[in-house]
Amino acid sequence: MPLIAPSIHQQPLSYVAKLEPRPLSGVDLVVIHCTELPDLATARSYGERVLYPSGTGNSGHFYIDRDGSIHAYVPLDRIAHHVHGHNFRAVGIELVNTGRYPDWLDSRRQQPSEPYPEAQIQALILLLHHLQRLLPSLRHIAGHESLDREQVAASDDPEKRVRRKLDPGPMFPWSEVVRETGLVALSPAS
């Protein structure tokens, strides 16, 4: 495991103090997401939206832009809202990628096609190595799509059902990331 610490731009969301604290010893999972938005600025604006009575919203802990720059929006010792049912134990990492944007639930647009740039994947691997040093319990990795399998009505035809979440999607290089980090893929039942 490389001992190089990544350069991380600390940019906490305005509501991080309102997020529930957690012990780092219980963090054993990393969940990989794609933003399904056009750029980092748009992803930031979505993360800043207050959606809950607690005064918080949905966000990952880290965002990695296409150029490989890493941005920390939520401290590791706070529970970020990024994947239903797993937030307490998970670190959320969002990769800037259009995914199905802007027609997320259109049944005719369910095949993401933007590849992940090499700089972004190398930054992810470096960040994962860094997290493995910080979080001794970290053992598992999963995609958002494997943990949230809910289907909803398609936006173009309410008779059709589509997956609510399909990230990080088919263009994500799972074999490379798992091989380089040694993290074990988590199944939905784990």
C-alpha atoms as a PDB file:
ATOM      1  CA  MET A   1       0.000   0.000   0.000  1.00  0.00           C
ATOM      2  CA  PRO A   2       1.574   3.314  -1.062  1.00  0.00           C
ATOM      3  CA  LEU A   3       2.324   5.706   1.799  1.00  0.00           C
ATOM      4  CA  ILE A   4       1.682   8.777  -0.318  1.00  0.00           C
ATOM      5  CA  ALA A   5      -1.020  10.948   1.228  1.00  0.00           C
ATOM      6  CA  PRO A   6      -3.309  12.459  -1.378  1.00  0.00           C
ATOM      7  CA  SER A   7      -3.838  16.187  -1.647  1.00  0.00           C
ATOM      8  CA  ILE A   8      -7.368  16.755  -0.353  1.00  0.00           C
ATOM      9  CA  HIS A   9      -9.179  20.087  -0.671  1.00  0.00           C
ATOM     10  CA  GLN A  10     -11.101  20.589   2.578  1.00  0.00           C
ATOM     11  CA  GLN A  11     -14.443  22.163   1.654  1.00  0.00           C
ATOM     12  CA  PRO A  12     -16.947  21.210   4.378  1.00  0.00           C
ATOM     13  CA  LEU A  13     -20.621  21.641   3.617  1.00  0.00           C
ATOM     14  CA  SER A  14     -22.369  24.374   5.614  1.00  0.00           C
ATOM     15  CA  TYR A  15     -24.337  21.846   7.703  1.00  0.00           C
ATOM     16  CA  VAL A  16     -21.600  19.351   8.708  1.00  0.00           C
ATOM     17  CA  ALA A  17     -21.897  20.259  12.407  1.00  0.00           C
ATOM     18  CA  LYS A  18     -25.541  19.086  12.256  1.00  0.00           C
ATOM     19  CA  LEU A  19     -24.620  15.637  10.903  1.00  0.00           C
ATOM     20  CA  GLU A  20     -24.615  12.853  13.462  1.00  0.00           C
ATOM     21  CA  PRO A  21     -21.156  11.978  14.830  1.00  0.00           C
ATOM     22  CA  ARG A  22     -19.851   8.412  14.666  1.00  0.00           C
ATOM     23  CA  PRO A  23     -16.845   6.456  15.921  1.00  0.00           C
ATOM     24  CA  LEU A  24     -14.338   5.753  13.168  1.00  0.00           C
ATOM     25  CA  SER A  25     -13.852   2.237  14.545  1.00  0.00           C
ATOM     26  CA  GLY A  26     -17.248   1.251  13.106  1.00  0.00           C
ATOM     27  CA  VAL A  27     -16.458   2.329   9.527  1.00  0.00           C
ATOM     28  CA  ASP A  28     -15.839  -0.811   7.457  1.00  0.00           C
ATOM     29  CA  LEU A  29     -17.316   0.070   4.050  1.00  0.00           C
ATOM     30  CA  VAL A  30     -16.651   2.441   1.159  1.00  0.00           C
ATOM     31  CA  VAL A  31     -19.528   3.112  -1.226  1.00  0.00           C
ATOM     32  CA  ILE A  32     -18.621   4.335  -4.705  1.00  0.00           C
ATOM     33  CA  HIS A  33     -21.075   6.691  -6.391  1.00  0.00           C
ATOM     34  CA  CYS A  34     -21.132   8.761  -9.531  1.00  0.00           C
ATOM     35  CA  THR A  35     -22.675  12.198  -9.264  1.00  0.00           C
ATOM     36  CA  GLU A  36     -24.832  11.798 -12.390  1.00  0.00           C
ATOM     37  CA  LEU A  37     -24.343  15.543 -12.837  1.00  0.00           C
ATOM     38  CA  PRO A  38     -22.336  17.551 -15.379  1.00  0.00           C
ATOM     39  CA  ASP A  39     -19.626  18.978 -13.103  1.00  0.00           C
ATOM     40  CA  LEU A  40     -18.275  19.387  -9.576  1.00  0.00           C
ATOM     41  CA  ALA A  41     -19.939  22.792  -9.057  1.00  0.00           C
ATOM     42  CA  THR A  42     -23.375  21.316  -9.770  1.00  0.00           C
ATOM     43  CA  ALA A  43     -22.643  18.376  -7.458  1.00  0.00           C
ATOM     44  CA  ARG A  44     -21.656  20.849  -4.724  1.00  0.00           C
ATOM     45  CA  SER A  45     -24.924  22.751  -5.131  1.00  0.00           C
ATOM     46  CA  TYR A  46     -26.894  19.488  -4.812  1.00  0.00           C
ATOM     47  CA  GLY A  47     -24.906  18.615  -1.677  1.00  0.00           C
ATOM     48  CA  GLU A  48     -25.668  21.996  -0.089  1.00  0.00           C
ATOM     49  CA  ARG A  49     -29.445  21.500  -0.414  1.00  0.00           C
ATOM     50  CA  VAL A  50     -31.142  21.066   2.956  1.00  0.00           C
ATOM     51  CA  LEU A  51     -33.580  18.154   2.675  1.00  0.00           C
ATOM     52  CA  TYR A  52     -34.202  16.993   6.247  1.00  0.00           C
ATOM     53  CA  PRO A  53     -35.684  18.521   9.435  1.00  0.00           C
ATOM     54  CA  SER A  54     -32.204  18.197  10.980  1.00  0.00           C
ATOM     55  CA  GLY A  55     -31.010  20.914   8.589  1.00  0.00           C
ATOM     56  CA  THR A  56     -28.876  18.486   6.548  1.00  0.00           C
ATOM     57  CA  GLY A  57     -28.943  17.060   3.034  1.00  0.00           C
ATOM     58  CA  ASN A  58     -27.501  14.311   0.824  1.00  0.00           C
ATOM     59  CA  SER A  59     -23.772  14.178   0.174  1.00  0.00           C
ATOM     60  CA  GLY A  60     -20.769  11.914   0.024  1.00  0.00           C
ATOM     61  CA  HIS A  61     -17.723  12.437   2.219  1.00  0.00           C
ATOM     62  CA  PHE A  62     -15.375  12.888  -0.758  1.00  0.00           C
ATOM     63  CA  TYR A  63     -15.801  14.030  -4.367  1.00  0.00           C
ATOM     64  CA  ILE A  64     -13.229  13.272  -7.046  1.00  0.00           C
ATOM     65  CA  ASP A  65     -13.343  15.449 -10.143  1.00  0.00           C
ATOM     66  CA  ARG A  66     -12.431  14.230 -13.620  1.00  0.00           C
ATOM     67  CA  ASP A  67      -8.930  15.752 -13.292  1.00  0.00           C
ATOM     68  CA  GLY A  68      -8.249  13.660 -10.160  1.00  0.00           C
ATOM     69  CA  SER A  69      -8.649  16.482  -7.634  1.00  0.00           C
ATOM     70  CA  ILE A  70     -10.111  15.256  -4.336  1.00  0.00           C
ATOM     71  CA  HIS A  71     -12.551  17.369  -2.327  1.00  0.00           C
ATOM     72  CA  ALA A  72     -13.688  16.592   1.236  1.00  0.00           C
ATOM     73  CA  TYR A  73     -17.239  17.800   1.933  1.00  0.00           C
ATOM     74  CA  VAL A  74     -18.001  15.817   5.114  1.00  0.00           C
ATOM     75  CA  PRO A  75     -15.492  14.774   7.811  1.00  0.00           C
ATOM     76  CA  LEU A  76     -15.069  11.034   8.310  1.00  0.00           C
ATOM     77  CA  ASP A  77     -16.334  11.241  11.888  1.00  0.00           C
ATOM     78  CA  ARG A  78     -19.762  12.460  10.677  1.00  0.00           C
ATOM     79  CA  ILE A  79     -22.488  10.371   9.061  1.00  0.00           C
ATOM     80  CA  ALA A  80     -23.107  11.605   5.515  1.00  0.00           C
ATOM     81  CA  HIS A  81     -26.419  10.775   3.830  1.00  0.00           C
ATOM     82  CA  HIS A  82     -25.383   8.923   0.667  1.00  0.00           C
ATOM     83  CA  VAL A  83     -26.800   5.359   0.738  1.00  0.00           C
ATOM     84  CA  HIS A  84     -29.912   4.228   2.596  1.00  0.00           C
ATOM     85  CA  GLY A  85     -29.283   1.709   5.369  1.00  0.00           C
ATOM     86  CA  HIS A  86     -25.468   1.832   5.315  1.00  0.00           C
ATOM     87  CA  ASN A  87     -24.526   5.406   6.208  1.00  0.00           C
ATOM     88  CA  PHE A  88     -23.380   4.688   9.772  1.00  0.00           C
ATOM     89  CA  ARG A  89     -20.719   2.237   8.601  1.00  0.00           C
ATOM     90  CA  ALA A  90     -19.791   3.759   5.239  1.00  0.00           C
ATOM     91  CA  VAL A  91     -17.623   6.390   3.616  1.00  0.00           C
ATOM     92  CA  GLY A  92     -19.271   7.825   0.505  1.00  0.00           C
ATOM     93  CA  ILE A  93     -17.043   8.680  -2.452  1.00  0.00           C
ATOM     94  CA  GLU A  94     -18.638  10.491  -5.381  1.00  0.00           C
ATOM     95  CA  LEU A  95     -16.955  10.487  -8.793  1.00  0.00           C
ATOM     96  CA  VAL A  96     -17.926  13.369 -11.066  1.00  0.00           C
ATOM     97  CA  ASN A  97     -19.566  11.681 -14.059  1.00  0.00           C
ATOM     98  CA  THR A  98     -22.714  12.423 -16.044  1.00  0.00           C
ATOM     99  CA  GLY A  99     -24.166   8.935 -15.650  1.00  0.00           C
ATOM    100  CA  ARG A 100     -27.765   9.231 -16.902  1.00  0.00           C
ATOM    101  CA  TYR A 101     -27.936  13.037 -16.534  1.00  0.00           C
ATOM    102  CA  PRO A 102     -30.274  14.845 -17.127  1.00  0.00           C
ATOM    103  CA  ASP A 103     -32.880  12.117 -17.717  1.00  0.00           C
ATOM    104  CA  TRP A 104     -32.092   9.886 -14.736  1.00  0.00           C
ATOM    105  CA  LEU A 105     -35.332   7.918 -14.803  1.00  0.00           C
ATOM    106  CA  ASP A 106     -36.131   7.918 -18.534  1.00  0.00           C
ATOM    107  CA  SER A 107     -36.435   4.261 -19.579  1.00  0.00           C
ATOM    108  CA  ARG A 108     -34.693   5.066 -22.881  1.00  0.00           C
ATOM    109  CA  ARG A 109     -31.606   6.505 -21.101  1.00  0.00           C
ATOM    110  CA  GLN A 110     -30.554   3.823 -18.657  1.00  0.00           C
ATOM    111  CA  GLN A 111     -27.106   3.062 -20.076  1.00  0.00           C
ATOM    112  CA  PRO A 112     -24.448   5.488 -18.752  1.00  0.00           C
ATOM    113  CA  SER A 113     -21.697   5.969 -21.314  1.00  0.00           C
ATOM    114  CA  GLU A 114     -19.125   8.406 -19.896  1.00  0.00           C
ATOM    115  CA  PRO A 115     -15.856   6.609 -19.098  1.00  0.00           C
ATOM    116  CA  TYR A 116     -13.999   7.403 -15.900  1.00  0.00           C
ATOM    117  CA  PRO A 117     -10.701   9.190 -16.702  1.00  0.00           C
ATOM    118  CA  GLU A 118      -7.492   7.492 -15.575  1.00  0.00           C
ATOM    119  CA  ALA A 119      -6.579  10.505 -13.384  1.00  0.00           C
ATOM    120  CA  GLN A 120      -9.866  10.111 -11.518  1.00  0.00           C
ATOM    121  CA  ILE A 121      -9.424   6.368 -10.969  1.00  0.00           C
ATOM    122  CA  GLN A 122      -5.811   6.775  -9.819  1.00  0.00           C
ATOM    123  CA  ALA A 123      -6.911   9.485  -7.367  1.00  0.00           C
ATOM    124  CA  LEU A 124      -9.635   7.139  -6.097  1.00  0.00           C
ATOM    125  CA  ILE A 125      -7.113   4.339  -5.533  1.00  0.00           C
ATOM    126  CA  LEU A 126      -4.766   6.739  -3.719  1.00  0.00           C
ATOM    127  CA  LEU A 127      -7.656   7.972  -1.542  1.00  0.00           C
ATOM    128  CA  LEU A 128      -8.723   4.387  -0.765  1.00  0.00           C
ATOM    129  CA  HIS A 129      -5.173   3.514   0.362  1.00  0.00           C
ATOM    130  CA  HIS A 130      -5.186   6.628   2.547  1.00  0.00           C
ATOM    131  CA  LEU A 131      -8.545   5.637   4.069  1.00  0.00           C
ATOM    132  CA  GLN A 132      -7.263   2.116   4.756  1.00  0.00           C
ATOM    133  CA  ARG A 133      -4.486   3.654   6.867  1.00  0.00           C
ATOM    134  CA  LEU A 134      -6.920   5.961   8.720  1.00  0.00           C
ATOM    135  CA  LEU A 135      -9.690   3.395   9.232  1.00  0.00           C
ATOM    136  CA  PRO A 136      -8.311   0.049  10.432  1.00  0.00           C
ATOM    137  CA  SER A 137     -11.757  -1.608  10.166  1.00  0.00           C
ATOM    138  CA  LEU A 138     -12.153  -0.692   6.481  1.00  0.00           C
ATOM    139  CA  ARG A 139     -12.567  -3.981   4.596  1.00  0.00           C
ATOM    140  CA  HIS A 140     -15.429  -3.666   2.105  1.00  0.00           C
ATOM    141  CA  ILE A 141     -16.312  -1.767  -1.041  1.00  0.00           C
ATOM    142  CA  ALA A 142     -19.620  -1.527  -2.915  1.00  0.00           C
ATOM    143  CA  GLY A 143     -21.296   0.449  -5.632  1.00  0.00           C
ATOM    144  CA  HIS A 144     -24.400   2.439  -4.802  1.00  0.00           C
ATOM    145  CA  GLU A 145     -26.258   0.335  -7.367  1.00  0.00           C
ATOM    146  CA  SER A 146     -25.579  -2.894  -5.473  1.00  0.00           C
ATOM    147  CA  LEU A 147     -26.928  -1.520  -2.163  1.00  0.00           C
ATOM    148  CA  ASP A 148     -29.936   0.438  -3.447  1.00  0.00           C
ATOM    149  CA  ARG A 149     -31.886  -1.803  -5.822  1.00  0.00           C
ATOM    150  CA  GLU A 150     -35.201   0.056  -5.582  1.00  0.00           C
ATOM    151  CA  GLN A 151     -37.195   0.405  -8.779  1.00  0.00           C
ATOM    152  CA  VAL A 152     -39.419   3.384  -9.532  1.00  0.00           C
ATOM    153  CA  ALA A 153     -41.769   4.430 -12.319  1.00  0.00           C
ATOM    154  CA  ALA A 154     -39.958   5.640 -15.432  1.00  0.00           C
ATOM    155  CA  SER A 155     -40.310   9.357 -16.118  1.00  0.00           C
ATOM    156  CA  ASP A 156     -41.258   8.761 -19.754  1.00  0.00           C
ATOM    157  CA  ASP A 157     -43.721   5.930 -19.109  1.00  0.00           C
ATOM    158  CA  PRO A 158     -45.172   5.279 -15.623  1.00  0.00           C
ATOM    159  CA  GLU A 159     -45.986   1.702 -16.691  1.00  0.00           C
ATOM    160  CA  LYS A 160     -42.261   0.941 -16.927  1.00  0.00           C
ATOM    161  CA  ARG A 161     -39.955   0.484 -13.942  1.00  0.00           C
ATOM    162  CA  VAL A 162     -36.330   1.619 -13.804  1.00  0.00           C
ATOM    163  CA  ARG A 163     -33.618   1.371 -11.181  1.00  0.00           C
ATOM    164  CA  ARG A 164     -33.496   4.415  -8.926  1.00  0.00           C
ATOM    165  CA  LYS A 165     -29.703   4.161  -8.659  1.00  0.00           C
ATOM    166  CA  LEU A 166     -27.276   2.850 -11.289  1.00  0.00           C
ATOM    167  CA  ASP A 167     -24.016   4.291 -10.040  1.00  0.00           C
ATOM    168  CA  PRO A 168     -21.148   4.025 -10.455  1.00  0.00           C
ATOM    169  CA  GLY A 169     -22.391   2.123 -13.525  1.00  0.00           C
ATOM    170  CA  PRO A 170     -20.939  -0.169 -16.163  1.00  0.00           C
ATOM    171  CA  MET A 171     -17.975   2.041 -17.068  1.00  0.00           C
ATOM    172  CA  PHE A 172     -16.454   1.801 -13.572  1.00  0.00           C
ATOM    173  CA  PRO A 173     -13.273  -0.378 -13.506  1.00  0.00           C
ATOM    174  CA  TRP A 174     -14.167  -2.630 -10.564  1.00  0.00           C
ATOM    175  CA  SER A 175     -11.472  -5.234 -11.177  1.00  0.00           C
ATOM    176  CA  GLU A 176      -8.674  -2.630 -11.189  1.00  0.00           C
ATOM    177  CA  VAL A 177      -9.885  -0.883  -8.022  1.00  0.00           C
ATOM    178  CA  VAL A 178     -10.420  -4.135  -6.094  1.00  0.00           C
ATOM    179  CA  ARG A 179      -7.058  -5.537  -7.254  1.00  0.00           C
ATOM    180  CA  GLU A 180      -5.173  -2.359  -6.301  1.00  0.00           C
ATOM    181  CA  THR A 181      -6.786  -1.930  -2.867  1.00  0.00           C
ATOM    182  CA  GLY A 182      -7.562  -5.454  -1.670  1.00  0.00           C
ATOM    183  CA  LEU A 183     -11.001  -4.306  -0.492  1.00  0.00           C
ATOM    184  CA  VAL A 184     -13.688  -7.008  -0.662  1.00  0.00           C
ATOM    185  CA  ALA A 185     -16.854  -6.402  -2.645  1.00  0.00           C
ATOM    186  CA  LEU A 186     -19.866  -6.256  -0.336  1.00  0.00           C
ATOM    187  CA  SER A 187     -22.991  -8.068  -1.407  1.00  0.00           C
ATOM    188  CA  PRO A 188     -26.404  -6.485  -0.658  1.00  0.00           C
ATOM    189  CA  ALA A 189     -27.076  -9.037   2.093  1.00  0.00           C
ATOM    190  CA  SER A 190     -23.817  -8.306   3.996  1.00  0.00           C
END
